[in-house]
C-alpha atoms as a PDB file:
ATOM      1  CA  UNK A   1     -16.418  14.981  22.772  1.00  0.00           C
ATOM      2  CA  UNK A   2     -17.422  13.397  19.657  1.00  0.00           C
ATOM      3  CA  UNK A   3     -17.217   9.311  20.311  1.00  0.00           C
ATOM      4  CA  UNK A   4     -17.154   6.465  18.222  1.00  0.00           C
ATOM      5  CA  UNK A   5     -19.059   3.233  20.178  1.00  0.00           C
ATOM      6  CA  UNK A   6     -18.718  -0.330  18.757  1.00  0.00           C
ATOM      7  CA  UNK A   7     -21.015  -2.512  20.310  1.00  0.00           C
ATOM      8  CA  UNK A   8     -21.453  -6.334  19.282  1.00  0.00           C
ATOM      9  CA  UNK A   9     -23.882  -8.467  20.391  1.00  0.00           C
ATOM     10  CA  UNK A  10     -24.179 -11.650  18.383  1.00  0.00           C
ATOM     11  CA  UNK A  11     -23.644 -13.828  21.185  1.00  0.00           C
ATOM     12  CA  UNK A  12     -24.046 -13.994  25.032  1.00  0.00           C
ATOM     13  CA  UNK A  13     -20.645 -12.650  26.337  1.00  0.00           C
ATOM     14  CA  UNK A  14     -21.043  -9.607  23.859  1.00  0.00           C
ATOM     15  CA  UNK A  15     -24.705  -8.814  24.204  1.00  0.00           C
ATOM     16  CA  UNK A  16     -24.038  -9.024  27.878  1.00  0.00           C
ATOM     17  CA  UNK A  17     -21.244  -6.225  27.593  1.00  0.00           C
ATOM     18  CA  UNK A  18     -23.476  -3.695  25.072  1.00  0.00           C
ATOM     19  CA  UNK A  19     -26.015  -3.734  26.948  1.00  0.00           C
ATOM     20  CA  UNK A  20     -24.418  -2.325  29.925  1.00  0.00           C
ATOM     21  CA  UNK A  21     -22.994   0.191  26.839  1.00  0.00           C
ATOM     22  CA  UNK A  22     -26.628   1.060  25.545  1.00  0.00           C
ATOM     23  CA  UNK A  23     -28.225   1.450  29.023  1.00  0.00           C
ATOM     24  CA  UNK A  24     -25.435   3.652  30.631  1.00  0.00           C
ATOM     25  CA  UNK A  25     -23.096   5.156  27.735  1.00  0.00           C
ATOM     26  CA  UNK A  26     -24.662   5.572  24.506  1.00  0.00           C
ATOM     27  CA  UNK A  27     -27.370   7.946  25.575  1.00  0.00           C
ATOM     28  CA  UNK A  28     -24.587  10.304  26.102  1.00  0.00           C
ATOM     29  CA  UNK A  29     -22.209   9.874  23.006  1.00  0.00           C
ATOM     30  CA  UNK A  30     -22.042  10.982  19.264  1.00  0.00           C
ATOM     31  CA  UNK A  31     -21.794  11.062  16.274  1.00  0.00           C
ATOM     32  CA  UNK A  32     -21.426   7.603  16.094  1.00  0.00           C
ATOM     33  CA  UNK A  33     -22.696   4.178  17.574  1.00  0.00           C
ATOM     34  CA  UNK A  34     -22.055   1.222  15.482  1.00  0.00           C
ATOM     35  CA  UNK A  35     -24.736  -1.699  17.222  1.00  0.00           C
ATOM     36  CA  UNK A  36     -24.740  -4.856  15.950  1.00  0.00           C
ATOM     37  CA  UNK A  37     -24.220  -5.494  12.478  1.00  0.00           C
ATOM     38  CA  UNK A  38     -22.610  -2.453  11.903  1.00  0.00           C
ATOM     39  CA  UNK A  39     -19.593  -3.158  13.809  1.00  0.00           C
ATOM     40  CA  UNK A  40     -17.808  -4.129  11.140  1.00  0.00           C
ATOM     41  CA  UNK A  41     -14.423  -2.666   9.451  1.00  0.00           C
ATOM     42  CA  UNK A  42     -16.375  -0.333   6.818  1.00  0.00           C
ATOM     43  CA  UNK A  43     -18.358   1.738   9.187  1.00  0.00           C
ATOM     44  CA  UNK A  44     -15.529   2.070  11.591  1.00  0.00           C
ATOM     45  CA  UNK A  45     -12.815   3.248   9.163  1.00  0.00           C
ATOM     46  CA  UNK A  46     -15.698   5.816   8.214  1.00  0.00           C
ATOM     47  CA  UNK A  47     -16.541   6.694  11.651  1.00  0.00           C
ATOM     48  CA  UNK A  48     -13.215   6.880  13.722  1.00  0.00           C
ATOM     49  CA  UNK A  49     -11.947   9.318  12.054  1.00  0.00           C
ATOM     50  CA  UNK A  50     -14.541  12.076  13.137  1.00  0.00           C
ATOM     51  CA  UNK A  51     -13.952  10.937  17.009  1.00  0.00           C
ATOM     52  CA  UNK A  52     -11.716  11.786  19.860  1.00  0.00           C
ATOM     53  CA  UNK A  53     -13.144   8.301  21.421  1.00  0.00           C
ATOM     54  CA  UNK A  54     -13.210   5.242  20.307  1.00  0.00           C
ATOM     55  CA  UNK A  55     -15.212   2.694  22.909  1.00  0.00           C
ATOM     56  CA  UNK A  56     -15.110  -0.808  21.527  1.00  0.00           C
ATOM     57  CA  UNK A  57     -17.391  -4.041  22.613  1.00  0.00           C
ATOM     58  CA  UNK A  58     -16.243  -7.408  20.637  1.00  0.00           C
ATOM     59  CA  UNK A  59     -13.835 -10.676  21.271  1.00  0.00           C
ATOM     60  CA  UNK A  60     -10.051  -9.903  20.744  1.00  0.00           C
ATOM     61  CA  UNK A  61      -6.713 -11.711  20.855  1.00  0.00           C
ATOM     62  CA  UNK A  62      -3.214 -10.539  21.245  1.00  0.00           C
ATOM     63  CA  UNK A  63      -3.154  -8.615  17.751  1.00  0.00           C
ATOM     64  CA  UNK A  64      -7.135  -8.105  16.536  1.00  0.00           C
ATOM     65  CA  UNK A  65     -10.075  -6.240  18.036  1.00  0.00           C
ATOM     66  CA  UNK A  66     -13.236  -8.144  16.411  1.00  0.00           C
ATOM     67  CA  UNK A  67     -16.993  -6.793  15.853  1.00  0.00           C
ATOM     68  CA  UNK A  68     -19.716  -8.565  14.633  1.00  0.00           C
ATOM     69  CA  UNK A  69     -19.436 -12.623  14.175  1.00  0.00           C
ATOM     70  CA  UNK A  70     -15.579 -12.150  14.743  1.00  0.00           C
ATOM     71  CA  UNK A  71     -15.393  -9.561  11.755  1.00  0.00           C
ATOM     72  CA  UNK A  72     -11.941  -7.758  12.118  1.00  0.00           C
ATOM     73  CA  UNK A  73     -12.262  -3.986  12.730  1.00  0.00           C
ATOM     74  CA  UNK A  74      -8.578  -3.445  14.348  1.00  0.00           C
ATOM     75  CA  UNK A  75      -5.472  -5.834  13.401  1.00  0.00           C
ATOM     76  CA  UNK A  76      -1.554  -5.095  14.094  1.00  0.00           C
ATOM     77  CA  UNK A  77      -0.169  -3.661  10.950  1.00  0.00           C
ATOM     78  CA  UNK A  78      -3.673  -3.663   8.656  1.00  0.00           C
ATOM     79  CA  UNK A  79      -5.184  -0.245   9.696  1.00  0.00           C
ATOM     80  CA  UNK A  80      -4.895   3.260   8.678  1.00  0.00           C
ATOM     81  CA  UNK A  81      -3.119   5.049  11.756  1.00  0.00           C
ATOM     82  CA  UNK A  82      -5.483   8.369  10.733  1.00  0.00           C
ATOM     83  CA  UNK A  83      -8.197   6.269  12.520  1.00  0.00           C
ATOM     84  CA  UNK A  84      -6.142   6.139  15.491  1.00  0.00           C
ATOM     85  CA  UNK A  85      -4.253   9.147  15.738  1.00  0.00           C
ATOM     86  CA  UNK A  86      -5.270  11.030  18.952  1.00  0.00           C
ATOM     87  CA  UNK A  87      -7.828   8.955  19.957  1.00  0.00           C
ATOM     88  CA  UNK A  88      -8.248   7.746  23.528  1.00  0.00           C
ATOM     89  CA  UNK A  89      -9.408   4.341  22.890  1.00  0.00           C
ATOM     90  CA  UNK A  90     -11.046   1.632  25.620  1.00  0.00           C
ATOM     91  CA  UNK A  91     -11.400  -1.817  24.005  1.00  0.00           C
ATOM     92  CA  UNK A  92     -13.429  -4.345  26.359  1.00  0.00           C
ATOM     93  CA  UNK A  93     -12.519  -7.755  25.372  1.00  0.00           C
ATOM     94  CA  UNK A  94      -9.514 -10.263  25.757  1.00  0.00           C
ATOM     95  CA  UNK A  95      -5.819  -9.675  25.064  1.00  0.00           C
ATOM     96  CA  UNK A  96      -6.004  -6.532  22.987  1.00  0.00           C
ATOM     97  CA  UNK A  97      -3.766  -5.386  25.263  1.00  0.00           C
ATOM     98  CA  UNK A  98      -0.730  -7.653  24.523  1.00  0.00           C
ATOM     99  CA  UNK A  99       0.374  -6.300  20.637  1.00  0.00           C
ATOM    100  CA  UNK A 100      -2.633  -4.560  19.272  1.00  0.00           C
ATOM    101  CA  UNK A 101      -2.895  -1.423  22.005  1.00  0.00           C
ATOM    102  CA  UNK A 102       1.227  -1.063  21.771  1.00  0.00           C
ATOM    103  CA  UNK A 103       0.397  -1.181  17.913  1.00  0.00           C
ATOM    104  CA  UNK A 104      -2.209   1.799  18.342  1.00  0.00           C
ATOM    105  CA  UNK A 105       0.048   3.928  20.797  1.00  0.00           C
ATOM    106  CA  UNK A 106       2.818   3.286  18.217  1.00  0.00           C
ATOM    107  CA  UNK A 107       0.101   4.370  15.330  1.00  0.00           C
ATOM    108  CA  UNK A 108      -0.435   7.877  17.170  1.00  0.00           C
ATOM    109  CA  UNK A 109      -3.429   6.786  19.778  1.00  0.00           C
ATOM    110  CA  UNK A 110      -3.101   9.316  22.520  1.00  0.00           C
ATOM    111  CA  UNK A 111      -4.088   6.391  25.004  1.00  0.00           C
ATOM    112  CA  UNK A 112      -5.231   2.809  24.852  1.00  0.00           C
ATOM    113  CA  UNK A 113      -7.248   1.010  27.744  1.00  0.00           C
ATOM    114  CA  UNK A 114      -8.005  -3.039  27.335  1.00  0.00           C
ATOM    115  CA  UNK A 115      -6.284  -6.338  28.956  1.00  0.00           C
ATOM    116  CA  UNK A 116      -3.664  -8.875  27.906  1.00  0.00           C
ATOM    117  CA  UNK A 117      -5.552 -11.399  29.814  1.00  0.00           C
ATOM    118  CA  UNK A 118      -9.256 -12.737  28.774  1.00  0.00           C
ATOM    119  CA  UNK A 119     -11.887 -10.453  30.648  1.00  0.00           C
ATOM    120  CA  UNK A 120     -14.257 -12.648  31.609  1.00  0.00           C
ATOM    121  CA  UNK A 121     -17.190 -12.226  34.043  1.00  0.00           C
ATOM    122  CA  UNK A 122     -20.176 -14.336  35.582  1.00  0.00           C
ATOM    123  CA  UNK A 123     -23.461 -13.556  33.486  1.00  0.00           C
ATOM    124  CA  UNK A 124     -27.371 -14.993  34.255  1.00  0.00           C
ATOM    125  CA  UNK A 125     -28.448 -15.910  30.859  1.00  0.00           C
ATOM    126  CA  UNK A 126     -32.186 -15.464  31.664  1.00  0.00           C
ATOM    127  CA  UNK A 127     -31.183 -11.833  31.731  1.00  0.00           C
ATOM    128  CA  UNK A 128     -30.039 -11.376  28.112  1.00  0.00           C
ATOM    129  CA  UNK A 129     -32.099  -8.802  27.245  1.00  0.00           C
ATOM    130  CA  UNK A 130     -31.698  -6.571  30.124  1.00  0.00           C
ATOM    131  CA  UNK A 131     -27.747  -6.962  31.048  1.00  0.00           C
ATOM    132  CA  UNK A 132     -27.691  -4.337  33.762  1.00  0.00           C
ATOM    133  CA  UNK A 133     -30.420  -5.992  35.732  1.00  0.00           C
ATOM    134  CA  UNK A 134     -27.921  -8.678  36.324  1.00  0.00           C
ATOM    135  CA  UNK A 135     -26.994  -6.638  39.635  1.00  0.00           C
ATOM    136  CA  UNK A 136     -25.485  -9.865  41.224  1.00  0.00           C
ATOM    137  CA  UNK A 137     -23.160 -11.340  38.656  1.00  0.00           C
ATOM    138  CA  UNK A 138     -22.236  -8.977  35.256  1.00  0.00           C
ATOM    139  CA  UNK A 139     -23.231  -5.927  37.263  1.00  0.00           C
ATOM    140  CA  UNK A 140     -20.279  -6.186  39.614  1.00  0.00           C
ATOM    141  CA  UNK A 141     -17.852  -7.094  36.789  1.00  0.00           C
ATOM    142  CA  UNK A 142     -18.930  -4.281  34.291  1.00  0.00           C
ATOM    143  CA  UNK A 143     -20.023  -1.329  36.389  1.00  0.00           C
ATOM    144  CA  UNK A 144     -16.477  -0.332  37.136  1.00  0.00           C
ATOM    145  CA  UNK A 145     -15.594  -0.320  33.579  1.00  0.00           C
ATOM    146  CA  UNK A 146     -19.157   1.757  32.789  1.00  0.00           C
ATOM    147  CA  UNK A 147     -17.531   4.097  35.928  1.00  0.00           C
ATOM    148  CA  UNK A 148     -14.553   4.639  34.494  1.00  0.00           C
ATOM    149  CA  UNK A 149     -15.862   4.997  30.887  1.00  0.00           C
ATOM    150  CA  UNK A 150     -18.359   8.086  32.223  1.00  0.00           C
ATOM    151  CA  UNK A 151     -15.156   9.464  33.866  1.00  0.00           C
ATOM    152  CA  UNK A 152     -13.585   9.494  30.973  1.00  0.00           C
ATOM    153  CA  UNK A 153     -16.562  11.214  28.897  1.00  0.00           C
ATOM    154  CA  UNK A 154     -16.857  13.833  31.825  1.00  0.00           C
ATOM    155  CA  UNK A 155     -13.417  15.045  30.800  1.00  0.00           C
ATOM    156  CA  UNK A 156     -11.536  12.775  33.098  1.00  0.00           C
ATOM    157  CA  UNK A 157      -8.353  11.962  31.914  1.00  0.00           C
ATOM    158  CA  UNK A 158      -6.958   8.131  30.914  1.00  0.00           C
ATOM    159  CA  UNK A 159      -5.123   7.851  33.957  1.00  0.00           C
ATOM    160  CA  UNK A 160      -8.105   8.967  36.266  1.00  0.00           C
ATOM    161  CA  UNK A 161     -10.766   6.859  34.299  1.00  0.00           C
ATOM    162  CA  UNK A 162      -8.335   4.145  34.402  1.00  0.00           C
ATOM    163  CA  UNK A 163      -8.002   4.347  38.682  1.00  0.00           C
ATOM    164  CA  UNK A 164     -11.439   4.977  38.765  1.00  0.00           C
ATOM    165  CA  UNK A 165     -12.575   1.840  36.953  1.00  0.00           C
ATOM    166  CA  UNK A 166     -10.086   0.164  39.418  1.00  0.00           C
ATOM    167  CA  UNK A 167     -11.318   1.465  42.777  1.00  0.00           C
ATOM    168  CA  UNK A 168     -12.631  -1.101  45.188  1.00  0.00           C
END
């Protein structure tokens, strides 16, 4: 299924999470992977309407999801609903489930998965260039997310993917 993957990598947390997506998600999706400096509003605006699924790694708050160097990607009331209409959206970022997620659904997204609180994990900074090798710390927090995303890409529903992410 056509997927847009946004992978910010400008600081340690985004580099860690994006590393997991690069390793386990990016090889199996197309047409668009926005990485590093391409995780900005204009490339997203051009690619999102072509996708069925949007997966994003970045920073967030209650109203917004940001990309490279905290460039605004999606902000409540400041995007074209065509970018999200009918899309399955998963944002790996803090607090986007508070206001942004409901706004995306209100503007036609088929589903949204995100977090209402800060999404934190411990990571080994010595493994920043190969974060997936950090099985003891980052892997314990990020692999359930990866498992849920893979289930979604395998055709599971958003609810089924969410249940897989939460499974012990």
